[in-house]
Protein backbone atom coordinates (compact mmCIF):
# COMPACT_ATOMS: atom_id res chain seq x y z
CA UNK A 1 -13.36 -24.28 -15.28
CA UNK A 2 -15.74 -27.40 -14.80
CA UNK A 3 -14.68 -28.52 -11.04
CA UNK A 4 -17.09 -29.39 -8.43
CA UNK A 5 -16.34 -26.43 -6.20
CA UNK A 6 -16.79 -23.92 -8.80
CA UNK A 7 -19.77 -25.61 -10.45
CA UNK A 8 -21.41 -25.75 -6.97
CA UNK A 9 -20.49 -22.01 -6.48
CA UNK A 10 -21.96 -21.00 -9.93
CA UNK A 11 -25.10 -23.01 -9.29
CA UNK A 12 -25.86 -21.40 -5.85
CA UNK A 13 -25.11 -18.04 -7.29
CA UNK A 14 -27.29 -18.33 -10.56
CA UNK A 15 -30.12 -19.79 -8.50
CA UNK A 16 -30.43 -16.39 -6.27
CA UNK A 17 -31.90 -14.19 -9.39
CA UNK A 18 -34.06 -17.14 -10.55
CA UNK A 19 -35.97 -17.50 -7.46
CA UNK A 20 -36.83 -13.76 -7.17
CA UNK A 21 -38.01 -13.60 -10.73
CA UNK A 22 -41.47 -12.32 -11.26
CA UNK A 23 -44.47 -14.40 -12.95
CA UNK A 24 -44.02 -14.19 -16.67
CA UNK A 25 -40.49 -13.00 -16.46
CA UNK A 26 -37.94 -14.87 -18.79
CA UNK A 27 -35.55 -17.08 -17.08
CA UNK A 28 -31.90 -16.25 -17.15
CA UNK A 29 -29.85 -17.83 -19.83
CA UNK A 30 -26.84 -20.07 -18.48
CA UNK A 31 -24.50 -17.33 -19.94
CA UNK A 32 -25.87 -14.51 -17.91
CA UNK A 33 -23.18 -12.95 -15.80
CA UNK A 34 -23.21 -13.48 -12.16
CA UNK A 35 -21.56 -10.64 -10.50
CA UNK A 36 -20.53 -10.60 -6.90
CA UNK A 37 -18.21 -8.42 -4.89
CA UNK A 38 -16.59 -11.06 -2.36
CA UNK A 39 -14.37 -13.63 -3.70
CA UNK A 40 -15.24 -16.87 -1.79
CA UNK A 41 -12.29 -18.79 -0.44
CA UNK A 42 -12.99 -21.83 -2.33
CA UNK A 43 -13.37 -19.95 -5.65
CA UNK A 44 -9.94 -18.35 -4.80
CA UNK A 45 -8.22 -21.79 -4.31
CA UNK A 46 -9.86 -23.12 -7.70
CA UNK A 47 -8.63 -20.16 -9.48
CA UNK A 48 -5.09 -20.64 -8.12
CA UNK A 49 -5.34 -24.50 -9.04
CA UNK A 50 -6.52 -23.77 -12.59
CA UNK A 51 -3.84 -21.44 -13.21
CA UNK A 52 -1.26 -23.82 -11.86
CA UNK A 53 -2.37 -26.90 -13.94
CA UNK A 54 0.30 -27.64 -16.43
CA UNK A 55 -2.24 -27.96 -19.15
CA UNK A 56 -3.46 -24.28 -18.90
CA UNK A 57 -2.36 -21.85 -21.46
CA UNK A 58 -0.78 -18.73 -19.68
CA UNK A 59 -0.88 -15.17 -20.85
CA UNK A 60 0.15 -12.08 -18.85
CA UNK A 61 -1.11 -8.49 -19.31
CA UNK A 62 -2.98 -7.13 -22.26
CA UNK A 63 -4.07 -10.00 -24.32
CA UNK A 64 -6.08 -10.28 -27.45
CA UNK A 65 -7.24 -13.51 -29.27
CA UNK A 66 -8.08 -12.38 -32.81
CA UNK A 67 -11.07 -13.06 -34.98
CA UNK A 68 -9.68 -15.62 -37.11
CA UNK A 69 -7.65 -17.41 -34.52
CA UNK A 70 -9.17 -20.46 -32.34
CA UNK A 71 -7.31 -21.48 -29.13
CA UNK A 72 -7.77 -25.16 -28.02
CA UNK A 73 -7.57 -25.67 -24.33
CA UNK A 74 -7.96 -23.80 -21.09
CA UNK A 75 -6.74 -20.16 -20.78
CA UNK A 76 -5.63 -18.18 -17.88
CA UNK A 77 -4.78 -14.41 -18.04
CA UNK A 78 -2.93 -12.77 -15.34
CA UNK A 79 -3.42 -8.79 -15.32
CA UNK A 80 -5.64 -8.51 -18.36
CA UNK A 81 -7.55 -7.08 -20.02
CA UNK A 82 -8.55 -9.93 -22.45
CA UNK A 83 -10.12 -9.19 -25.61
CA UNK A 84 -11.75 -12.21 -27.42
CA UNK A 85 -12.79 -11.83 -31.08
CA UNK A 86 -12.10 -15.38 -31.93
CA UNK A 87 -12.76 -18.55 -30.22
CA UNK A 88 -11.47 -20.41 -27.05
CA UNK A 89 -12.17 -24.17 -26.92
CA UNK A 90 -12.09 -24.57 -23.16
CA UNK A 91 -12.54 -22.55 -19.85
CA UNK A 92 -11.12 -19.07 -19.48
CA UNK A 93 -10.03 -17.40 -16.16
CA UNK A 94 -9.00 -13.86 -15.94
CA UNK A 95 -7.09 -12.58 -12.76
CA UNK A 96 -7.14 -8.98 -11.99
CA UNK A 97 -8.28 -7.77 -15.15
CA UNK A 98 -11.40 -7.10 -17.40
CA UNK A 99 -12.80 -9.26 -20.38
CA UNK A 100 -14.09 -8.00 -23.48
CA UNK A 101 -16.14 -10.19 -25.70
CA UNK A 102 -16.39 -8.76 -29.37
CA UNK A 103 -19.40 -9.56 -31.53
CA UNK A 104 -19.03 -13.32 -32.74
CA UNK A 105 -16.62 -14.34 -30.02
CA UNK A 106 -17.16 -17.74 -28.59
CA UNK A 107 -16.12 -19.34 -25.32
CA UNK A 108 -17.05 -23.07 -25.27
CA UNK A 109 -16.63 -23.63 -21.49
CA UNK A 110 -16.81 -21.30 -18.46
CA UNK A 111 -15.84 -17.79 -18.13
CA UNK A 112 -14.44 -16.73 -14.74
CA UNK A 113 -13.19 -13.13 -13.95
CA UNK A 114 -11.56 -12.12 -10.52
CA UNK A 115 -10.92 -8.54 -9.88
CA UNK A 116 -12.70 -7.27 -12.89
CA UNK A 117 -15.86 -7.30 -15.06
CA UNK A 118 -17.12 -8.90 -18.26
CA UNK A 119 -18.32 -6.53 -21.22
CA UNK A 120 -19.93 -7.52 -24.61
CA UNK A 121 -22.11 -10.61 -23.73
CA UNK A 122 -24.75 -9.70 -26.08
CA UNK A 123 -23.02 -10.37 -29.12
CA UNK A 124 -20.95 -13.42 -27.98
CA UNK A 125 -21.71 -16.79 -27.11
CA UNK A 126 -20.38 -18.44 -23.79
CA UNK A 127 -21.04 -22.23 -23.47
CA UNK A 128 -20.94 -22.49 -19.57
CA UNK A 129 -21.18 -20.21 -16.62
CA UNK A 130 -20.10 -16.67 -16.30
CA UNK A 131 -18.75 -15.52 -12.96
CA UNK A 132 -17.35 -12.14 -12.14
CA UNK A 133 -15.96 -11.18 -8.92
CA UNK A 134 -14.90 -7.55 -8.07
CA UNK A 135 -12.58 -8.46 -5.19
CA UNK A 136 -9.13 -8.79 -6.47
CA UNK A 137 -6.94 -11.84 -6.03
CA UNK A 138 -3.84 -11.34 -3.81
CA UNK A 139 -1.28 -13.62 -4.97
CA UNK A 140 2.63 -14.31 -5.07
CA UNK A 141 4.08 -14.65 -8.44
CA UNK A 142 6.27 -17.64 -8.70
CA UNK A 143 7.24 -17.76 -12.30
CA UNK A 144 4.79 -20.08 -14.19
CA UNK A 145 2.81 -20.56 -10.99
CA UNK A 146 1.00 -18.52 -8.44
CA UNK A 147 0.34 -18.94 -4.76
CA UNK A 148 -2.43 -17.13 -2.53
CA UNK A 149 -1.41 -14.39 -0.16
CA UNK A 150 -3.02 -15.55 3.18
CA UNK A 151 -6.10 -13.37 3.12
CA UNK A 152 -6.75 -13.93 7.04
CA UNK A 153 -3.81 -11.53 7.76
CA UNK A 154 -3.07 -8.20 5.81
CA UNK A 155 -0.80 -5.15 6.68
CA UNK A 156 -2.20 -1.91 6.93
CA UNK A 157 -0.45 1.32 7.09
CA UNK A 158 -1.56 3.88 9.63
CA UNK A 159 -2.19 7.53 8.53
CA UNK A 160 1.14 8.75 8.74
CA UNK A 161 3.09 5.94 7.00
CA UNK A 162 4.35 4.52 10.23
CA UNK A 163 4.44 0.54 10.83
CA UNK A 164 0.79 -0.64 10.79
CA UNK A 165 -1.53 -3.53 11.86
CA UNK A 166 -1.39 -7.03 11.30
CA UNK A 167 -4.78 -8.39 11.95
CA UNK A 168 -7.05 -11.46 11.91
CA UNK A 169 -9.91 -10.68 9.59
CA UNK A 170 -13.11 -10.99 11.50
CA UNK A 171 -11.63 -12.13 14.69
CA UNK A 172 -10.72 -10.61 17.94
CA UNK A 173 -7.30 -10.78 19.30
CA UNK A 174 -4.62 -9.51 21.73
CA UNK A 175 -1.10 -9.74 21.25
CA UNK A 176 2.25 -8.49 22.48
CA UNK A 177 4.26 -7.05 19.68
CA UNK A 178 7.94 -6.68 19.76
CA UNK A 179 9.53 -5.29 16.55
CA UNK A 180 12.07 -2.99 15.06
CA UNK A 181 11.46 0.57 13.77
CA UNK A 182 11.59 1.90 10.33
CA UNK A 183 15.45 1.37 9.85
CA UNK A 184 18.77 1.55 11.50
CA UNK A 185 20.16 5.10 11.64
CA UNK A 186 22.61 7.63 13.01
CA UNK A 187 19.91 9.25 15.35
CA UNK A 188 18.52 6.18 17.08
CA UNK A 189 20.56 3.30 16.24
CA UNK A 190 18.04 0.64 16.06
CA UNK A 191 14.58 1.81 17.29
CA UNK A 192 12.95 -1.15 19.06
CA UNK A 193 8.97 -0.84 19.38
CA UNK A 194 7.12 -3.20 21.87
CA UNK A 195 3.60 -3.07 23.44
CA UNK A 196 0.19 -4.52 23.21
CA UNK A 197 -2.02 -4.87 19.98
CA UNK A 198 -5.88 -5.43 20.98
CA UNK A 199 -8.79 -5.90 18.47
CA UNK A 200 -12.31 -6.69 19.34
CA UNK A 201 -14.51 -9.17 17.76
CA UNK A 202 -17.39 -8.47 15.30
CA UNK A 203 -18.09 -6.51 12.05
CA UNK A 204 -17.19 -3.07 13.78
CA UNK A 205 -14.09 -4.10 15.61
CA UNK A 206 -12.15 -1.54 17.97
CA UNK A 207 -8.55 -1.46 17.84
CA UNK A 208 -5.84 -0.31 20.21
CA UNK A 209 -2.00 -0.04 19.72
CA UNK A 210 0.15 1.08 22.53
CA UNK A 211 3.85 0.85 21.55
CA UNK A 212 6.88 2.08 23.45
CA UNK A 213 9.86 2.97 21.45
CA UNK A 214 13.35 2.40 22.77
CA UNK A 215 16.39 3.84 20.87
CA UNK A 216 19.42 1.80 21.06
CA UNK A 217 21.74 4.58 19.73
CA UNK A 218 24.32 4.44 22.56
CA UNK A 219 24.07 0.95 24.25
CA UNK A 220 21.57 -0.49 26.90
CA UNK A 221 21.02 2.69 29.06
CA UNK A 222 17.62 3.62 30.11
CA UNK A 223 17.84 7.37 29.90
CA UNK A 224 14.67 9.25 29.32
CA UNK A 225 15.64 10.85 26.13
CA UNK A 226 16.09 7.35 24.64
CA UNK A 227 12.24 6.76 24.90
CA UNK A 228 9.22 7.53 22.58
CA UNK A 229 5.79 6.26 22.13
CA UNK A 230 3.36 5.45 19.47
CA UNK A 231 -0.25 5.07 20.70
CA UNK A 232 -3.27 4.81 18.40
CA UNK A 233 -6.78 3.67 18.30
CA UNK A 234 -9.44 2.84 15.41
CA UNK A 235 -13.04 2.32 15.34
CA UNK A 236 -14.81 0.59 12.56
CA UNK A 237 -18.50 2.02 11.67
CA UNK A 238 -21.07 0.46 9.46
CA UNK A 239 -20.69 -3.18 9.81
CA UNK A 240 -18.71 -3.54 6.44
CA UNK A 241 -15.17 -2.66 7.36
CA UNK A 242 -15.39 0.10 4.84
CA UNK A 243 -15.37 3.16 7.25
CA UNK A 244 -13.14 3.69 10.35
CA UNK A 245 -12.11 6.42 12.47
CA UNK A 246 -9.07 6.78 14.60
CA UNK A 247 -6.55 8.86 16.16
CA UNK A 248 -3.27 8.63 18.03
CA UNK A 249 -0.42 10.42 20.17
CA UNK A 250 3.22 9.88 19.38
CA UNK A 251 6.68 10.99 20.23
CA UNK A 252 8.82 9.43 17.40
CA UNK A 253 11.91 10.15 15.16
CA UNK A 254 10.68 10.26 11.63
CA UNK A 255 12.68 10.57 8.28
CA UNK A 256 12.25 13.65 6.28
CA UNK A 257 12.24 11.88 3.09
CA UNK A 258 12.13 7.71 2.98
CA UNK A 259 11.27 7.19 -0.65
CA UNK A 260 14.87 7.09 -2.00
CA UNK A 261 15.71 3.73 -0.53
CA UNK A 262 13.91 1.16 1.43
CA UNK A 263 14.16 0.73 5.14
CA UNK A 264 16.21 -2.49 4.54
CA UNK A 265 18.55 -0.90 1.99
CA UNK A 266 19.25 2.26 4.34
CA UNK A 267 19.51 0.28 7.46
CA UNK A 268 22.07 -2.06 6.02
CA UNK A 269 24.08 0.82 4.48
CA UNK A 270 24.11 2.62 7.88
CA UNK A 271 25.12 -0.54 9.91
CA UNK A 272 27.61 -1.94 7.63
CA UNK A 273 29.41 1.05 6.04
CA UNK A 274 28.68 4.00 8.40
CA UNK A 275 26.47 5.84 5.56
CA UNK A 276 22.91 6.91 6.59
CA UNK A 277 21.30 8.59 3.59
CA UNK A 278 18.38 9.64 5.41
CA UNK A 279 17.73 12.83 7.48
CA UNK A 280 15.37 12.97 10.57
CA UNK A 281 13.44 15.08 12.78
CA UNK A 282 11.34 14.71 16.04
CA UNK A 283 7.52 14.66 15.87
CA UNK A 284 5.56 14.78 18.81
CA UNK A 285 1.75 15.41 18.92
CA UNK A 286 -1.51 13.72 18.12
CA UNK A 287 -3.75 13.23 15.18
CA UNK A 288 -7.32 12.12 14.25
CA UNK A 289 -8.68 10.78 11.09
CA UNK A 290 -11.51 9.02 9.14
CA UNK A 291 -10.76 6.52 6.41
CA UNK A 292 -13.05 5.02 3.71
CA UNK A 293 -12.15 1.75 1.87
CA UNK A 294 -15.14 0.71 -0.31
CA UNK A 295 -15.27 -2.95 -0.34
CA UNK A 296 -14.35 -4.88 -3.50
CA UNK A 297 -12.28 -1.84 -4.67
CA UNK A 298 -8.60 -1.28 -4.40
CA UNK A 299 -9.33 2.39 -3.27
CA UNK A 300 -8.60 4.13 0.10
CA UNK A 301 -9.32 7.64 1.02
CA UNK A 302 -8.36 9.45 4.33
CA UNK A 303 -8.95 12.89 5.90
CA UNK A 304 -7.58 13.99 9.06
CA UNK A 305 -5.92 16.70 11.35
CA UNK A 306 -2.67 16.71 12.88
CA UNK A 307 -1.22 18.95 15.80
CA UNK A 308 2.49 18.30 16.21
CA UNK A 309 5.52 19.82 17.63
CA UNK A 310 8.52 19.33 15.31
CA UNK A 311 12.30 19.63 16.43
CA UNK A 312 15.74 19.08 15.08
CA UNK A 313 17.81 16.05 16.24
CA UNK A 314 21.43 15.49 16.54
CA UNK A 315 23.61 12.62 15.19
CA UNK A 316 24.25 9.95 17.77
CA UNK A 317 27.08 7.50 18.03
CA UNK A 318 25.57 4.06 16.96
CA UNK A 319 27.93 1.36 16.21
CA UNK A 320 28.77 0.08 12.51
CA UNK A 321 30.82 -2.65 11.24
CA UNK A 322 33.21 -0.48 9.00
CA UNK A 323 34.62 2.98 9.80
CA UNK A 324 33.00 3.00 13.19
CA UNK A 325 35.36 5.73 14.58
CA UNK A 326 34.50 8.25 11.80
CA UNK A 327 32.14 11.21 12.62
CA UNK A 328 28.49 10.82 11.19
CA UNK A 329 27.04 13.33 8.60
CA UNK A 330 25.56 16.08 10.63
CA UNK A 331 21.89 16.32 11.05
CA UNK A 332 20.10 19.08 9.24
CA UNK A 333 18.27 21.84 10.96
CA UNK A 334 14.34 21.75 10.69
CA UNK A 335 11.61 24.09 11.26
CA UNK A 336 11.05 23.88 14.94
CA UNK A 337 7.92 24.74 16.78
CA UNK A 338 3.98 23.72 16.57
CA UNK A 339 2.43 22.84 13.25
CA UNK A 340 -1.39 22.52 12.91
CA UNK A 341 -2.46 21.04 9.69
CA UNK A 342 -5.18 19.24 7.79
CA UNK A 343 -4.64 16.60 5.23
CA UNK A 344 -6.32 14.37 2.83
CA UNK A 345 -4.57 11.38 1.15
CA UNK A 346 -5.90 8.69 -1.30
CA UNK A 347 -4.41 5.35 -2.41
CA UNK A 348 -5.01 2.91 -5.25
CA UNK A 349 -3.54 -0.46 -5.01
CA UNK A 350 -4.10 -3.04 -7.68
CA UNK A 351 -0.70 -5.09 -6.90
CA UNK A 352 -1.06 -8.75 -7.04
CA UNK A 353 1.08 -8.76 -3.80
CA UNK A 354 2.28 -5.68 -1.42
CA UNK A 355 5.50 -7.09 -0.41
CA UNK A 356 6.76 -8.59 -3.92
CA UNK A 357 4.36 -7.13 -6.47
CA UNK A 358 4.88 -8.19 -9.98
CA UNK A 359 1.77 -6.73 -11.75
CA UNK A 360 -0.55 -3.85 -11.07
CA UNK A 361 -0.73 -0.26 -9.90
CA UNK A 362 0.29 1.66 -6.87
CA UNK A 363 -0.89 5.35 -6.80
CA UNK A 364 -0.69 7.44 -3.59
CA UNK A 365 -1.19 11.03 -3.09
CA UNK A 366 -1.29 13.34 -0.24
CA UNK A 367 -2.10 17.17 0.28
CA UNK A 368 -1.26 18.88 3.58
CA UNK A 369 -2.39 22.55 4.31
CA UNK A 370 -0.79 24.22 7.33
CA UNK A 371 -3.59 26.06 9.45
CA UNK A 372 -1.27 27.74 11.75
CA UNK A 373 2.12 27.29 12.92
CA UNK A 374 5.25 28.94 14.48
CA UNK A 375 7.88 26.90 12.74
CA UNK A 376 11.20 28.67 12.69
CA UNK A 377 14.66 27.21 11.57
CA UNK A 378 17.21 28.21 14.15
CA UNK A 379 20.13 30.36 13.14
CA UNK A 380 23.25 28.57 12.19
CA UNK A 381 26.97 28.86 11.36
CA UNK A 382 28.12 27.82 8.06
CA UNK A 383 31.51 26.02 8.25
CA UNK A 384 32.13 26.18 4.64
CA UNK A 385 34.62 28.94 3.61
CA UNK A 386 33.03 32.09 2.12
CA UNK A 387 35.26 34.61 0.59
CA UNK A 388 32.53 37.23 0.75
CA UNK A 389 32.68 37.41 4.40
CA UNK A 390 36.51 37.38 4.56
CA UNK A 391 36.66 34.32 6.85
CA UNK A 392 36.32 30.64 7.04
CA UNK A 393 32.75 30.64 8.57
CA UNK A 394 29.71 32.71 7.96
CA UNK A 395 26.58 33.08 9.79
CA UNK A 396 23.12 31.83 8.57
CA UNK A 397 20.18 33.72 10.10
CA UNK A 398 17.10 32.00 11.43
CA UNK A 399 14.28 31.68 9.01
CA UNK A 400 10.49 31.80 9.96
CA UNK A 401 7.91 30.01 7.76
CA UNK A 402 4.33 31.13 7.00
CA UNK A 403 1.37 28.97 6.23
CA UNK A 404 1.81 26.63 3.17
CA UNK A 405 0.00 23.76 1.14
CA UNK A 406 1.99 20.95 -0.11
CA UNK A 407 1.41 17.94 -2.35
CA UNK A 408 2.90 14.57 -3.03
CA UNK A 409 1.96 12.05 -5.81
CA UNK A 410 3.82 8.64 -6.04
CA UNK A 411 2.81 6.60 -9.09
CA UNK A 412 4.21 3.08 -9.53
CA UNK A 413 3.56 0.48 -12.30
CA UNK A 414 4.45 -3.19 -12.03
CA UNK A 415 4.85 -5.30 -15.05
CA UNK A 416 5.52 -8.81 -15.67
CA UNK A 417 7.38 -9.44 -18.69
CA UNK A 418 8.03 -13.20 -18.27
CA UNK A 419 8.29 -15.67 -15.48
CA UNK A 420 11.77 -14.40 -14.55
CA UNK A 421 11.56 -10.59 -15.65
CA UNK A 422 9.96 -7.42 -14.59
CA UNK A 423 9.69 -3.75 -15.76
CA UNK A 424 8.76 -1.48 -13.22
CA UNK A 425 8.14 2.33 -13.50
CA UNK A 426 7.89 4.97 -10.97
CA UNK A 427 7.05 8.65 -10.92
CA UNK A 428 7.26 10.87 -7.97
CA UNK A 429 6.16 14.49 -7.87
CA UNK A 430 6.11 16.73 -4.56
CA UNK A 431 6.44 20.36 -3.53
CA UNK A 432 4.53 23.49 -2.47
CA UNK A 433 1.11 23.75 -4.31
CA UNK A 434 0.74 27.47 -3.54
CA UNK A 435 4.37 28.83 -4.08
CA UNK A 436 4.90 29.20 -0.39
CA UNK A 437 8.35 28.20 1.23
CA UNK A 438 8.45 24.78 2.75
CA UNK A 439 10.09 24.02 6.16
CA UNK A 440 13.03 21.55 5.59
CA UNK A 441 11.12 18.64 6.80
CA UNK A 442 8.42 19.22 4.12
CA UNK A 443 10.69 19.55 1.25
CA UNK A 444 11.80 17.06 -1.39
CA UNK A 445 15.12 16.59 -3.23
CA UNK A 446 16.43 14.15 -5.87
CA UNK A 447 19.53 12.48 -4.76
């Protein structure tokens, strides 16, 4: 990829090891790999320009250039890995994938790898510079073109899956946020969140988010039961934005399960057709956690503690376009009371874009262990006729729950077949890890 920006970057990066060489030590050859963790903005821009050049040959996913084949021209590969056994008569750029050079492989031009590494340099020949960056390229796939995702801003989920931060990397800021909650639903209507977000400057910023939650379920009335809050704080440590500790206090209505439909899908179904496919419960309490995100990797690991009070919530009377006069599906009873638990979660994110991914993996897992609690599902009256009790209704006794350990694993694979087609796969596993009964708000169902 012979351009002024990239050539200058390669020259500067290659000069560093040469300046440190000891007397009598052999100088590095031009084809030695220069490895960097961080991806400079000018290199990211040049990679996008190279890929979008109409003269560049495009490949997606696992790609192999056989031993007997010679490719004439510049080559760009999305997703990788790229295995070269033959010859490329031009530059090669691989985005978010590795390159393996087999013995006898030849690349006449530069070899640039973003979000991967180069293997097999000893038995191959590269005529130009070899650059490898561990940091992955965040891009939006637009068919035969790509565009950079604005790296100055990124979304980060907090530890409980609630709406997260939007931040300016490396810059302090203060703003007042007004946004909607997770989804229009039969308990809250449209939850509206508003409040300040503050982040200090420097490599170890301190963040504060203090949001009030207003539930619009029954019109513009300021009753106390309509209000909640979600307040959190985080402190970065170590100077590299790899480690942060945080905690929060909250009083929110949360979905029991939200993986079946997206927030948009469930919200539209509720607002338009009077069908809320999610069930909800109330969470009040606090949490504390520590998160590690090694720089230059797609991995994030979190461990923490929660102390919450859970409660059942009844369906309200939010307005809908169709069937507005019909009754809502009743809310289920949950295990009510105090729950103290420890949890650990990990996420692996190699997607090219968080909002509209077309390639990559998203793997997320969580384990929660209840230390102690007094969760009890209240007694109820079953309104479904039960001939065994000789009447139209039957009592359902209260149920107390003991300690439990639960796990959840969500694996998603995004595949770009061609500029207009995708093949995405998903595997979700969840349930009790020790055989203990789970309270309703921790159970899972396929529906």
